[in-house]
Amino acid sequence: MASGSWADDEPDPMPVAPSYSRQAAPVVTVAPVAAAPPSAPPRNHGPSSGGAGRGGDNKTVPEKGPWILFVGNLSYDVQESDLRNEFKDCNPTDVRLLRHKDSDRLKGCFIELPSADDLRRGLAHEGALLRGRALHTDVGEAPRHSGGDRGM
């Protein structure tokens, strides 16, 4: 009786490397691809009518006040006086800085203006540099009633 395993009866097959020939690779023709559409429509900024703003012309300026300008992309060290100076041509009546509740960092501001024309002039500041940052301007919403009587 043999003391080995049945696998010992046959020699291990030698691995064989695949053979490669130096033939030319087949030519594959691919149809041209149309240009991809832009990933997002361009952002339009600037006054809705009149003026020579830096951006587009489709912001809707309300006919009746309050006329509020939102200003974003502000540097964290911007002060109210910097904003009043930047928007002095718009005759700001009130400037409200928006700060993050946890870090107290500046997020943006609302500037109340006396007229629709002043709001249009404010929108024209889109892209203006203030402390090294390009400003983003938009029409702000009127403040909402917070708390208290909810009309019930």
Protein backbone atom coordinates (compact mmCIF):
# COMPACT_ATOMS: atom_id res chain seq x y z
CA MET A 1 0.00 0.00 0.00
CA ALA A 2 1.26 3.45 -0.95
CA SER A 3 1.83 5.82 1.85
CA GLY A 4 1.20 8.97 -0.15
CA SER A 5 -1.87 10.75 -1.30
CA TRP A 6 -3.60 10.14 -4.63
CA ALA A 7 -2.41 13.59 -5.65
CA ASP A 8 1.19 12.37 -5.44
CA ASP A 9 0.57 9.92 -8.27
CA GLU A 10 0.37 12.62 -10.94
CA PRO A 11 2.90 15.39 -11.43
CA ASP A 12 1.74 18.98 -11.00
CA PRO A 13 0.96 20.59 -14.34
CA MET A 14 3.33 23.35 -15.29
CA PRO A 15 1.69 26.72 -15.71
CA VAL A 16 1.76 27.89 -19.26
CA ALA A 17 2.05 31.56 -20.12
CA PRO A 18 -0.38 32.77 -22.74
CA SER A 19 1.16 33.41 -26.09
CA TYR A 20 1.01 36.90 -27.51
CA SER A 21 1.45 37.80 -31.11
CA ARG A 22 2.42 41.19 -32.44
CA GLN A 23 -0.68 41.84 -34.48
CA ALA A 24 -2.07 45.34 -34.95
CA ALA A 25 -4.90 46.20 -32.61
CA PRO A 26 -8.28 46.39 -34.27
CA VAL A 27 -9.38 49.91 -35.21
CA VAL A 28 -12.57 51.05 -33.50
CA THR A 29 -14.45 54.04 -34.82
CA VAL A 30 -16.31 56.13 -32.26
CA ALA A 31 -18.97 58.62 -33.21
CA PRO A 32 -18.19 62.22 -32.16
CA VAL A 33 -19.79 63.30 -28.92
CA ALA A 34 -21.87 66.46 -28.84
CA ALA A 35 -20.73 69.17 -26.45
CA ALA A 36 -22.05 68.64 -22.97
CA PRO A 37 -24.59 71.19 -21.73
CA PRO A 38 -23.40 73.49 -18.96
CA SER A 39 -23.72 71.94 -15.52
CA ALA A 40 -25.86 74.80 -14.25
CA PRO A 41 -27.38 77.90 -15.78
CA PRO A 42 -25.31 81.02 -15.23
CA ARG A 43 -26.21 83.12 -12.21
CA ASN A 44 -27.75 86.42 -13.19
CA HIS A 45 -27.08 89.41 -11.00
CA GLY A 46 -27.70 93.08 -11.16
CA PRO A 47 -30.62 95.43 -11.40
CA SER A 48 -33.86 94.37 -13.01
CA SER A 49 -34.24 97.51 -15.06
CA GLY A 50 -32.06 100.47 -15.88
CA GLY A 51 -28.59 101.09 -14.59
CA ALA A 52 -25.36 99.53 -15.71
CA GLY A 53 -24.96 96.68 -13.25
CA ARG A 54 -22.16 94.18 -13.37
CA GLY A 55 -24.51 91.25 -13.88
CA GLY A 56 -27.74 90.21 -15.60
CA ASP A 57 -30.96 92.14 -15.74
CA ASN A 58 -33.60 89.82 -14.31
CA LYS A 59 -33.80 90.64 -10.60
CA THR A 60 -37.28 91.77 -9.69
CA VAL A 61 -37.29 95.01 -7.74
CA PRO A 62 -40.55 95.45 -5.80
CA GLU A 63 -42.66 98.50 -6.61
CA LYS A 64 -43.51 99.11 -2.96
CA GLY A 65 -41.16 99.14 0.02
CA PRO A 66 -39.57 98.15 2.15
CA TRP A 67 -36.65 97.93 -0.29
CA ILE A 68 -34.09 95.58 1.17
CA LEU A 69 -30.75 94.62 -0.34
CA PHE A 70 -29.09 91.37 0.71
CA VAL A 71 -25.29 91.40 0.55
CA GLY A 72 -23.37 88.15 0.84
CA ASN A 73 -19.85 86.75 0.44
CA LEU A 74 -18.57 89.19 3.02
CA SER A 75 -15.19 88.98 4.70
CA TYR A 76 -15.49 88.00 8.37
CA ASP A 77 -13.87 91.27 9.45
CA VAL A 78 -16.28 93.62 7.60
CA GLN A 79 -17.82 96.26 9.86
CA GLU A 80 -21.14 98.09 9.52
CA SER A 81 -19.19 101.26 8.69
CA ASP A 82 -17.51 99.46 5.73
CA LEU A 83 -20.92 98.52 4.34
CA ARG A 84 -22.38 101.99 4.85
CA ASN A 85 -19.37 103.44 3.02
CA GLU A 86 -19.58 100.91 0.13
CA PHE A 87 -23.31 101.53 -0.35
CA LYS A 88 -23.39 105.27 0.43
CA ASP A 89 -24.65 105.97 -3.13
CA CYS A 90 -27.79 103.97 -2.18
CA ASN A 91 -28.62 106.07 0.92
CA PRO A 92 -28.89 103.15 3.40
CA THR A 93 -31.37 103.75 6.22
CA ASP A 94 -30.53 100.58 8.19
CA VAL A 95 -27.80 97.93 8.08
CA ARG A 96 -28.37 94.59 9.84
CA LEU A 97 -25.42 92.21 10.04
CA LEU A 98 -26.23 88.49 10.03
CA ARG A 99 -23.98 86.36 12.19
CA HIS A 100 -23.76 82.60 12.67
CA LYS A 101 -25.22 81.79 16.08
CA ASP A 102 -22.44 79.36 17.10
CA SER A 103 -19.30 81.00 15.74
CA ASP A 104 -20.47 84.65 15.63
CA ARG A 105 -18.91 84.87 12.14
CA LEU A 106 -20.47 87.24 9.67
CA LYS A 107 -22.77 85.51 7.14
CA GLY A 108 -24.13 88.51 5.25
CA CYS A 109 -26.22 91.60 5.80
CA PHE A 110 -29.50 93.25 4.94
CA ILE A 111 -29.45 96.91 3.98
CA GLU A 112 -32.73 98.81 4.03
CA LEU A 113 -32.96 101.46 1.34
CA PRO A 114 -35.39 104.38 0.82
CA SER A 115 -36.44 103.68 -2.80
CA ALA A 116 -36.56 101.17 -5.65
CA ASP A 117 -33.93 103.22 -7.51
CA ASP A 118 -31.60 102.95 -4.52
CA LEU A 119 -32.16 99.18 -4.53
CA ARG A 120 -31.24 99.05 -8.23
CA ARG A 121 -28.05 101.00 -7.47
CA GLY A 122 -27.30 98.56 -4.65
CA LEU A 123 -27.76 95.56 -6.94
CA ALA A 124 -25.22 97.13 -9.29
CA HIS A 125 -22.54 96.53 -6.61
CA GLU A 126 -22.55 92.84 -7.59
CA GLY A 127 -18.93 91.71 -7.82
CA ALA A 128 -17.48 94.85 -6.22
CA LEU A 129 -14.49 94.09 -3.99
CA LEU A 130 -14.80 94.83 -0.28
CA ARG A 131 -11.86 93.77 1.89
CA GLY A 132 -10.69 91.43 -0.84
CA ARG A 133 -14.00 89.63 -1.40
CA ALA A 134 -16.33 89.98 -4.41
CA LEU A 135 -19.76 90.97 -3.09
CA HIS A 136 -22.93 89.09 -3.99
CA THR A 137 -26.05 91.27 -4.05
CA ASP A 138 -29.68 90.24 -4.24
CA VAL A 139 -33.14 91.56 -3.46
CA GLY A 140 -33.88 90.81 0.18
CA GLU A 141 -37.26 89.88 1.59
CA ALA A 142 -39.19 92.07 3.98
CA PRO A 143 -38.75 90.97 7.60
CA ARG A 144 -41.31 88.46 8.74
CA HIS A 145 -43.27 88.88 11.92
CA SER A 146 -41.57 86.75 14.57
CA GLY A 147 -43.46 85.37 17.51
CA GLY A 148 -46.32 86.95 19.39
CA ASP A 149 -49.70 87.23 17.71
CA ARG A 150 -49.89 84.92 14.72
CA GLY A 151 -53.17 86.28 13.44
CA MET A 152 -55.35 83.90 15.42
